[in-house]
Amino acid sequence: MTLRLTLLARAYCHLCDEMREGVLRLAAGRPVVVEELDVDASAELEARYGDLVPVLFAGPVAAGRELCHYVLDEACVRAFLAEGGPG
């Protein structure tokens, strides 16, 4: 089963760069797809999450399961990966 993580980020954000690197490191060698969305490309996403970026979701943003924002919560992401995704 392939798991999905969605990262909301913006181009000029050093925290986004750090979270992206950490997420890709945790996902390496696992059946995980990491989708990145530019929060500034959607007025709806920017209005809702613009002040929280980067934001990492388990699955799609629409599912609403936020794993962390601002900084990577490695323990939370590892738990998501270990449980095999949403139950």
C-alpha atoms as a PDB file:
ATOM      1  CA  MET A   1       0.000   0.000   0.000  1.00  0.00           C
ATOM      2  CA  THR A   2       1.368   3.394  -0.994  1.00  0.00           C
ATOM      3  CA  LEU A   3       0.975   6.151   1.569  1.00  0.00           C
ATOM      4  CA  ARG A   4       0.565   9.793   0.687  1.00  0.00           C
ATOM      5  CA  LEU A   5       1.891  12.873   2.415  1.00  0.00           C
ATOM      6  CA  THR A   6       0.966  16.353   1.232  1.00  0.00           C
ATOM      7  CA  LEU A   7       3.213  19.303   1.975  1.00  0.00           C
ATOM      8  CA  LEU A   8       1.871  22.833   1.699  1.00  0.00           C
ATOM      9  CA  ALA A   9       4.795  25.145   1.079  1.00  0.00           C
ATOM     10  CA  ARG A  10       5.865  28.314  -0.653  1.00  0.00           C
ATOM     11  CA  ALA A  11       8.895  29.051  -2.773  1.00  0.00           C
ATOM     12  CA  TYR A  12      10.606  31.634  -0.561  1.00  0.00           C
ATOM     13  CA  CYS A  13      10.244  29.811   2.770  1.00  0.00           C
ATOM     14  CA  HIS A  14      13.331  28.382   4.516  1.00  0.00           C
ATOM     15  CA  LEU A  15      11.110  26.435   6.950  1.00  0.00           C
ATOM     16  CA  CYS A  16       9.440  24.840   3.930  1.00  0.00           C
ATOM     17  CA  ASP A  17      12.827  23.821   2.552  1.00  0.00           C
ATOM     18  CA  GLU A  18      13.766  22.263   5.894  1.00  0.00           C
ATOM     19  CA  MET A  19      10.483  20.368   6.207  1.00  0.00           C
ATOM     20  CA  ARG A  20      10.690  19.134   2.593  1.00  0.00           C
ATOM     21  CA  GLU A  21      14.193  17.757   3.188  1.00  0.00           C
ATOM     22  CA  GLY A  22      13.129  16.046   6.409  1.00  0.00           C
ATOM     23  CA  VAL A  23       9.990  14.529   4.909  1.00  0.00           C
ATOM     24  CA  LEU A  24      11.869  13.213   1.892  1.00  0.00           C
ATOM     25  CA  ARG A  25      14.487  11.691   4.208  1.00  0.00           C
ATOM     26  CA  LEU A  26      11.810   9.931   6.289  1.00  0.00           C
ATOM     27  CA  ALA A  27       9.986   8.736   3.166  1.00  0.00           C
ATOM     28  CA  ALA A  28      13.106   7.402   1.418  1.00  0.00           C
ATOM     29  CA  GLY A  29      12.924   3.695   0.699  1.00  0.00           C
ATOM     30  CA  ARG A  30       9.270   3.460   1.723  1.00  0.00           C
ATOM     31  CA  PRO A  31       6.136   3.222  -0.397  1.00  0.00           C
ATOM     32  CA  VAL A  32       5.313   6.896   0.151  1.00  0.00           C
ATOM     33  CA  VAL A  33       4.284   9.563  -2.323  1.00  0.00           C
ATOM     34  CA  VAL A  34       5.071  13.102  -1.216  1.00  0.00           C
ATOM     35  CA  GLU A  35       2.965  15.686  -3.023  1.00  0.00           C
ATOM     36  CA  GLU A  36       3.901  19.319  -2.655  1.00  0.00           C
ATOM     37  CA  LEU A  37       1.390  22.109  -3.193  1.00  0.00           C
ATOM     38  CA  ASP A  38       2.237  25.798  -3.460  1.00  0.00           C
ATOM     39  CA  VAL A  39      -0.030  27.440  -0.897  1.00  0.00           C
ATOM     40  CA  ASP A  40       0.168  30.713  -2.841  1.00  0.00           C
ATOM     41  CA  ALA A  41      -1.272  29.079  -5.986  1.00  0.00           C
ATOM     42  CA  SER A  42      -4.699  28.731  -4.358  1.00  0.00           C
ATOM     43  CA  ALA A  43      -6.576  31.597  -2.719  1.00  0.00           C
ATOM     44  CA  GLU A  44      -8.461  29.079  -0.566  1.00  0.00           C
ATOM     45  CA  LEU A  45      -5.311  27.317   0.667  1.00  0.00           C
ATOM     46  CA  GLU A  46      -3.518  30.629   1.240  1.00  0.00           C
ATOM     47  CA  ALA A  47      -6.437  32.008   3.261  1.00  0.00           C
ATOM     48  CA  ARG A  48      -6.687  28.894   5.414  1.00  0.00           C
ATOM     49  CA  TYR A  49      -3.050  27.825   5.814  1.00  0.00           C
ATOM     50  CA  GLY A  50      -0.922  30.765   4.670  1.00  0.00           C
ATOM     51  CA  ASP A  51       0.212  31.701   8.175  1.00  0.00           C
ATOM     52  CA  LEU A  52       1.001  28.073   9.106  1.00  0.00           C
ATOM     53  CA  VAL A  53       3.270  26.982   6.246  1.00  0.00           C
ATOM     54  CA  PRO A  54       4.865  24.651   5.945  1.00  0.00           C
ATOM     55  CA  VAL A  55       2.018  22.295   6.772  1.00  0.00           C
ATOM     56  CA  LEU A  56       2.275  18.516   6.378  1.00  0.00           C
ATOM     57  CA  PHE A  57      -0.841  16.393   5.936  1.00  0.00           C
ATOM     58  CA  ALA A  58      -1.402  12.660   6.117  1.00  0.00           C
ATOM     59  CA  GLY A  59      -3.058  12.054   2.774  1.00  0.00           C
ATOM     60  CA  PRO A  60      -4.669  14.875   0.823  1.00  0.00           C
ATOM     61  CA  VAL A  61      -5.315  18.305   2.314  1.00  0.00           C
ATOM     62  CA  ALA A  62      -9.060  17.682   1.940  1.00  0.00           C
ATOM     63  CA  ALA A  63      -8.822  14.805   4.426  1.00  0.00           C
ATOM     64  CA  GLY A  64      -7.728  17.380   6.977  1.00  0.00           C
ATOM     65  CA  ARG A  65      -5.339  15.234   9.023  1.00  0.00           C
ATOM     66  CA  GLU A  66      -2.553  17.666   9.800  1.00  0.00           C
ATOM     67  CA  LEU A  67       0.617  16.014  11.054  1.00  0.00           C
ATOM     68  CA  CYS A  68       2.576  19.180  11.775  1.00  0.00           C
ATOM     69  CA  HIS A  69       3.238  22.765  10.773  1.00  0.00           C
ATOM     70  CA  TYR A  70       6.187  25.188  10.982  1.00  0.00           C
ATOM     71  CA  VAL A  71       8.666  22.420  11.868  1.00  0.00           C
ATOM     72  CA  LEU A  72       8.757  18.708  11.123  1.00  0.00           C
ATOM     73  CA  ASP A  73       7.416  16.506  13.907  1.00  0.00           C
ATOM     74  CA  GLU A  74       9.473  13.418  13.074  1.00  0.00           C
ATOM     75  CA  ALA A  75       7.802  11.285  15.751  1.00  0.00           C
ATOM     76  CA  CYS A  76       4.359  12.043  14.344  1.00  0.00           C
ATOM     77  CA  VAL A  77       5.420  11.302  10.758  1.00  0.00           C
ATOM     78  CA  ARG A  78       7.169   8.089  11.806  1.00  0.00           C
ATOM     79  CA  ALA A  79       3.992   7.007  13.659  1.00  0.00           C
ATOM     80  CA  PHE A  80       1.890   7.698  10.550  1.00  0.00           C
ATOM     81  CA  LEU A  81       4.288   5.680   8.400  1.00  0.00           C
ATOM     82  CA  ALA A  82       4.408   2.831  10.918  1.00  0.00           C
ATOM     83  CA  GLU A  83       0.637   2.563  11.212  1.00  0.00           C
ATOM     84  CA  GLY A  84       0.359   2.306   7.453  1.00  0.00           C
ATOM     85  CA  GLY A  85      -1.689   5.429   7.027  1.00  0.00           C
ATOM     86  CA  PRO A  86      -5.137   6.418   8.131  1.00  0.00           C
ATOM     87  CA  GLY A  87      -7.034   3.640   9.825  1.00  0.00           C
END
